[in-house]
Amino acid sequence: MKTRLRILILLSLLHSANLFAEEGIAWDSLSTEDQTLLKDFKKNWDELPAQRQQRLQKGADRWGQMSEEQREKAKQRMERWKSLDEEQKKKVKERFERFN
């Protein structure tokens, strides 16, 4: 009986920890610069998964720290990515996963 209780308590604690890890970012807590960069997401921001919000904020912060030259290179890479067909994108993603 004690073992079951311990397991239930442990599972409850793990579940609670997971809920805190998945906490989203309030739109109003974003910096003015981040809000400007992410304005296209404002309407649905609260509906985005917490991980997506965190990735977007991190990307906006990174963009804000780039020089003009770095931004131009990033734009060129994005255009190149957009021009790939789905099969090419899949291969790039697979290579990236293997690399990591």
N, C-alpha and C. Protein backbone atom coordinates (compact mmCIF):
# COMPACT_ATOMS: atom_id res chain seq x y z
N MET A 1 0.82 -1.20 0.00
CA MET A 1 0.00 0.00 0.00
C MET A 1 0.87 1.27 0.00
N LYS A 2 1.92 1.26 0.82
CA LYS A 2 2.80 2.42 0.88
C LYS A 2 3.49 2.64 -0.46
N THR A 3 3.82 1.55 -1.14
CA THR A 3 4.50 1.65 -2.43
C THR A 3 3.57 2.30 -3.46
N ARG A 4 2.32 1.92 -3.46
CA ARG A 4 1.35 2.52 -4.37
C ARG A 4 1.19 4.01 -4.10
N LEU A 5 1.13 4.37 -2.84
CA LEU A 5 0.99 5.77 -2.47
C LEU A 5 2.21 6.57 -2.93
N ARG A 6 3.39 6.00 -2.73
CA ARG A 6 4.61 6.66 -3.17
C ARG A 6 4.62 6.85 -4.69
N ILE A 7 4.19 5.85 -5.40
CA ILE A 7 4.14 5.92 -6.86
C ILE A 7 3.16 7.00 -7.30
N LEU A 8 1.99 7.04 -6.67
CA LEU A 8 1.00 8.07 -7.01
C LEU A 8 1.53 9.47 -6.72
N ILE A 9 2.19 9.64 -5.60
CA ILE A 9 2.75 10.94 -5.26
C ILE A 9 3.83 11.33 -6.27
N LEU A 10 4.69 10.39 -6.61
CA LEU A 10 5.75 10.65 -7.58
C LEU A 10 5.17 11.03 -8.94
N LEU A 11 4.17 10.28 -9.40
CA LEU A 11 3.53 10.61 -10.66
C LEU A 11 2.88 11.98 -10.63
N SER A 12 2.26 12.30 -9.52
CA SER A 12 1.64 13.61 -9.37
C SER A 12 2.68 14.72 -9.44
N LEU A 13 3.80 14.53 -8.77
CA LEU A 13 4.87 15.53 -8.80
C LEU A 13 5.45 15.69 -10.20
N LEU A 14 5.65 14.58 -10.89
CA LEU A 14 6.17 14.64 -12.25
C LEU A 14 5.20 15.37 -13.17
N HIS A 15 3.92 15.10 -13.02
CA HIS A 15 2.91 15.78 -13.82
C HIS A 15 2.91 17.28 -13.55
N SER A 16 3.00 17.65 -12.27
CA SER A 16 3.04 19.07 -11.90
C SER A 16 4.27 19.75 -12.48
N ALA A 17 5.41 19.09 -12.41
CA ALA A 17 6.64 19.67 -12.95
C ALA A 17 6.52 19.87 -14.45
N ASN A 18 5.88 18.95 -15.13
CA ASN A 18 5.69 19.05 -16.57
C ASN A 18 4.77 20.22 -16.92
N LEU A 19 3.76 20.45 -16.12
CA LEU A 19 2.86 21.58 -16.36
C LEU A 19 3.61 22.90 -16.23
N PHE A 20 4.49 23.01 -15.25
CA PHE A 20 5.25 24.24 -15.08
C PHE A 20 6.24 24.43 -16.23
N ALA A 21 6.81 23.35 -16.72
CA ALA A 21 7.77 23.43 -17.82
C ALA A 21 7.09 23.89 -19.11
N GLU A 22 5.80 23.66 -19.22
CA GLU A 22 5.06 23.98 -20.43
C GLU A 22 4.37 25.34 -20.36
N GLU A 23 4.75 26.15 -19.39
CA GLU A 23 4.10 27.44 -19.23
C GLU A 23 4.42 28.36 -20.40
N GLY A 24 3.41 29.00 -20.92
CA GLY A 24 3.59 29.88 -22.06
C GLY A 24 4.12 31.24 -21.66
N ILE A 25 4.28 32.09 -22.67
CA ILE A 25 4.78 33.45 -22.47
C ILE A 25 3.64 34.40 -22.77
N ALA A 26 3.34 35.26 -21.84
CA ALA A 26 2.29 36.25 -22.06
C ALA A 26 2.75 37.26 -23.10
N TRP A 27 1.87 37.62 -24.04
CA TRP A 27 2.21 38.57 -25.09
C TRP A 27 2.74 39.88 -24.49
N ASP A 28 2.09 40.35 -23.43
CA ASP A 28 2.47 41.62 -22.81
C ASP A 28 3.84 41.57 -22.14
N SER A 29 4.34 40.36 -21.88
CA SER A 29 5.66 40.26 -21.25
C SER A 29 6.79 40.32 -22.28
N LEU A 30 6.45 40.24 -23.57
CA LEU A 30 7.46 40.36 -24.61
C LEU A 30 7.94 41.81 -24.70
N SER A 31 9.19 41.99 -25.07
CA SER A 31 9.70 43.35 -25.25
C SER A 31 8.99 43.99 -26.45
N THR A 32 9.05 45.30 -26.51
CA THR A 32 8.44 46.03 -27.62
C THR A 32 9.03 45.57 -28.94
N GLU A 33 10.36 45.34 -28.96
CA GLU A 33 11.03 44.89 -30.18
C GLU A 33 10.53 43.51 -30.59
N ASP A 34 10.40 42.60 -29.61
CA ASP A 34 9.92 41.26 -29.92
C ASP A 34 8.48 41.30 -30.42
N GLN A 35 7.65 42.13 -29.80
CA GLN A 35 6.25 42.25 -30.24
C GLN A 35 6.19 42.76 -31.68
N THR A 36 7.06 43.70 -32.02
CA THR A 36 7.09 44.23 -33.38
C THR A 36 7.48 43.13 -34.37
N LEU A 37 8.51 42.37 -34.03
CA LEU A 37 8.97 41.30 -34.93
C LEU A 37 7.94 40.17 -35.05
N LEU A 38 7.22 39.92 -33.97
CA LEU A 38 6.28 38.79 -33.94
C LEU A 38 4.83 39.21 -34.14
N LYS A 39 4.61 40.42 -34.64
CA LYS A 39 3.25 40.97 -34.75
C LYS A 39 2.29 40.07 -35.52
N ASP A 40 2.79 39.29 -36.47
CA ASP A 40 1.91 38.40 -37.23
C ASP A 40 1.33 37.27 -36.37
N PHE A 41 1.95 37.02 -35.22
CA PHE A 41 1.50 35.95 -34.33
C PHE A 41 0.61 36.46 -33.20
N LYS A 42 0.45 37.78 -33.08
CA LYS A 42 -0.27 38.36 -31.94
C LYS A 42 -1.68 37.81 -31.79
N LYS A 43 -2.40 37.73 -32.90
CA LYS A 43 -3.81 37.31 -32.86
C LYS A 43 -3.98 35.93 -32.23
N ASN A 44 -3.06 35.01 -32.54
CA ASN A 44 -3.18 33.64 -32.06
C ASN A 44 -2.13 33.26 -31.03
N TRP A 45 -1.44 34.25 -30.48
CA TRP A 45 -0.32 33.98 -29.58
C TRP A 45 -0.71 33.06 -28.43
N ASP A 46 -1.82 33.34 -27.79
CA ASP A 46 -2.24 32.54 -26.63
C ASP A 46 -2.61 31.11 -27.00
N GLU A 47 -2.88 30.85 -28.26
CA GLU A 47 -3.23 29.50 -28.70
C GLU A 47 -2.01 28.67 -29.09
N LEU A 48 -0.87 29.33 -29.24
CA LEU A 48 0.35 28.62 -29.63
C LEU A 48 0.86 27.79 -28.45
N PRO A 49 1.42 26.61 -28.75
CA PRO A 49 2.03 25.82 -27.67
C PRO A 49 3.18 26.60 -27.03
N ALA A 50 3.40 26.37 -25.76
CA ALA A 50 4.44 27.08 -25.01
C ALA A 50 5.81 26.95 -25.67
N GLN A 51 6.12 25.76 -26.15
CA GLN A 51 7.42 25.56 -26.79
C GLN A 51 7.56 26.42 -28.03
N ARG A 52 6.51 26.56 -28.80
CA ARG A 52 6.55 27.39 -30.00
C ARG A 52 6.73 28.86 -29.63
N GLN A 53 6.02 29.30 -28.59
CA GLN A 53 6.18 30.68 -28.13
C GLN A 53 7.63 30.94 -27.71
N GLN A 54 8.20 29.98 -27.00
CA GLN A 54 9.57 30.15 -26.53
C GLN A 54 10.55 30.18 -27.70
N ARG A 55 10.34 29.32 -28.71
CA ARG A 55 11.21 29.33 -29.89
C ARG A 55 11.09 30.64 -30.65
N LEU A 56 9.86 31.13 -30.79
CA LEU A 56 9.65 32.39 -31.50
C LEU A 56 10.31 33.56 -30.76
N GLN A 57 10.17 33.60 -29.45
CA GLN A 57 10.80 34.67 -28.68
C GLN A 57 12.32 34.59 -28.80
N LYS A 58 12.85 33.39 -28.70
CA LYS A 58 14.30 33.21 -28.82
C LYS A 58 14.78 33.68 -30.20
N GLY A 59 14.03 33.33 -31.24
CA GLY A 59 14.38 33.76 -32.59
C GLY A 59 14.31 35.27 -32.74
N ALA A 60 13.30 35.89 -32.15
CA ALA A 60 13.17 37.35 -32.21
C ALA A 60 14.33 38.02 -31.48
N ASP A 61 14.70 37.47 -30.34
CA ASP A 61 15.84 38.02 -29.60
C ASP A 61 17.13 37.89 -30.42
N ARG A 62 17.29 36.73 -31.03
CA ARG A 62 18.49 36.50 -31.85
C ARG A 62 18.52 37.47 -33.04
N TRP A 63 17.36 37.66 -33.68
CA TRP A 63 17.27 38.58 -34.82
C TRP A 63 17.65 40.00 -34.38
N GLY A 64 17.19 40.39 -33.21
CA GLY A 64 17.48 41.73 -32.70
C GLY A 64 18.96 41.96 -32.43
N GLN A 65 19.70 40.90 -32.21
CA GLN A 65 21.13 41.02 -31.92
C GLN A 65 22.00 40.92 -33.18
N MET A 66 21.39 40.61 -34.32
CA MET A 66 22.15 40.45 -35.56
C MET A 66 22.52 41.80 -36.17
N SER A 67 23.65 41.80 -36.88
CA SER A 67 24.02 42.97 -37.67
C SER A 67 23.19 42.95 -38.96
N GLU A 68 23.21 44.03 -39.70
CA GLU A 68 22.48 44.08 -40.98
C GLU A 68 22.98 43.00 -41.93
N GLU A 69 24.29 42.79 -41.95
CA GLU A 69 24.86 41.76 -42.82
C GLU A 69 24.36 40.37 -42.43
N GLN A 70 24.32 40.09 -41.15
CA GLN A 70 23.82 38.79 -40.67
C GLN A 70 22.34 38.62 -41.02
N ARG A 71 21.58 39.70 -40.89
CA ARG A 71 20.16 39.63 -41.22
C ARG A 71 19.96 39.35 -42.71
N GLU A 72 20.76 39.99 -43.53
CA GLU A 72 20.65 39.78 -44.98
C GLU A 72 20.97 38.33 -45.34
N LYS A 73 21.99 37.77 -44.72
CA LYS A 73 22.34 36.37 -44.96
C LYS A 73 21.22 35.44 -44.50
N ALA A 74 20.63 35.76 -43.35
CA ALA A 74 19.52 34.95 -42.84
C ALA A 74 18.33 35.00 -43.79
N LYS A 75 18.04 36.19 -44.34
CA LYS A 75 16.94 36.32 -45.30
C LYS A 75 17.21 35.49 -46.55
N GLN A 76 18.45 35.51 -47.02
CA GLN A 76 18.80 34.72 -48.20
C GLN A 76 18.64 33.23 -47.94
N ARG A 77 19.07 32.79 -46.76
CA ARG A 77 18.92 31.36 -46.41
C ARG A 77 17.44 30.98 -46.34
N MET A 78 16.61 31.88 -45.81
CA MET A 78 15.18 31.60 -45.71
C MET A 78 14.56 31.51 -47.10
N GLU A 79 14.96 32.38 -47.99
CA GLU A 79 14.45 32.32 -49.37
C GLU A 79 14.87 31.01 -50.05
N ARG A 80 16.12 30.62 -49.80
CA ARG A 80 16.59 29.35 -50.36
C ARG A 80 15.77 28.18 -49.80
N TRP A 81 15.48 28.22 -48.49
CA TRP A 81 14.68 27.17 -47.86
C TRP A 81 13.28 27.12 -48.47
N LYS A 82 12.67 28.29 -48.66
CA LYS A 82 11.32 28.34 -49.23
C LYS A 82 11.28 27.78 -50.65
N SER A 83 12.39 27.89 -51.35
CA SER A 83 12.42 27.43 -52.75
C SER A 83 12.56 25.90 -52.86
N LEU A 84 12.90 25.23 -51.76
CA LEU A 84 13.05 23.77 -51.80
C LEU A 84 11.69 23.10 -51.86
N ASP A 85 11.62 21.97 -52.55
CA ASP A 85 10.38 21.20 -52.53
C ASP A 85 10.35 20.36 -51.24
N GLU A 86 9.23 19.72 -50.98
CA GLU A 86 9.05 18.99 -49.72
C GLU A 86 10.07 17.88 -49.53
N GLU A 87 10.42 17.17 -50.59
CA GLU A 87 11.40 16.09 -50.50
C GLU A 87 12.78 16.63 -50.12
N GLN A 88 13.16 17.74 -50.70
CA GLN A 88 14.45 18.35 -50.38
C GLN A 88 14.47 18.83 -48.93
N LYS A 89 13.36 19.43 -48.49
CA LYS A 89 13.28 19.88 -47.09
C LYS A 89 13.40 18.70 -46.14
N LYS A 90 12.75 17.60 -46.50
CA LYS A 90 12.80 16.40 -45.66
C LYS A 90 14.23 15.90 -45.53
N LYS A 91 14.97 15.88 -46.64
CA LYS A 91 16.37 15.43 -46.60
C LYS A 91 17.23 16.34 -45.74
N VAL A 92 17.02 17.64 -45.86
CA VAL A 92 17.79 18.59 -45.06
C VAL A 92 17.49 18.38 -43.58
N LYS A 93 16.22 18.19 -43.24
CA LYS A 93 15.84 17.96 -41.84
C LYS A 93 16.47 16.68 -41.31
N GLU A 94 16.47 15.63 -42.12
CA GLU A 94 17.07 14.36 -41.70
C GLU A 94 18.57 14.51 -41.45
N ARG A 95 19.25 15.22 -42.34
CA ARG A 95 20.69 15.45 -42.15
C ARG A 95 20.94 16.25 -40.88
N PHE A 96 20.08 17.23 -40.63
CA PHE A 96 20.22 18.05 -39.43
C PHE A 96 20.05 17.20 -38.18
N GLU A 97 19.05 16.33 -38.19
CA GLU A 97 18.81 15.44 -37.04
C GLU A 97 20.01 14.52 -36.81
N ARG A 98 20.57 13.97 -37.87
CA ARG A 98 21.74 13.11 -37.73
C ARG A 98 22.93 13.89 -37.17
N PHE A 99 23.07 15.13 -37.63
CA PHE A 99 24.15 15.98 -37.17
C PHE A 99 24.04 16.23 -35.68
N ASN A 100 22.83 16.50 -35.23
CA ASN A 100 22.63 16.76 -33.79
C ASN A 100 22.75 15.48 -33.00
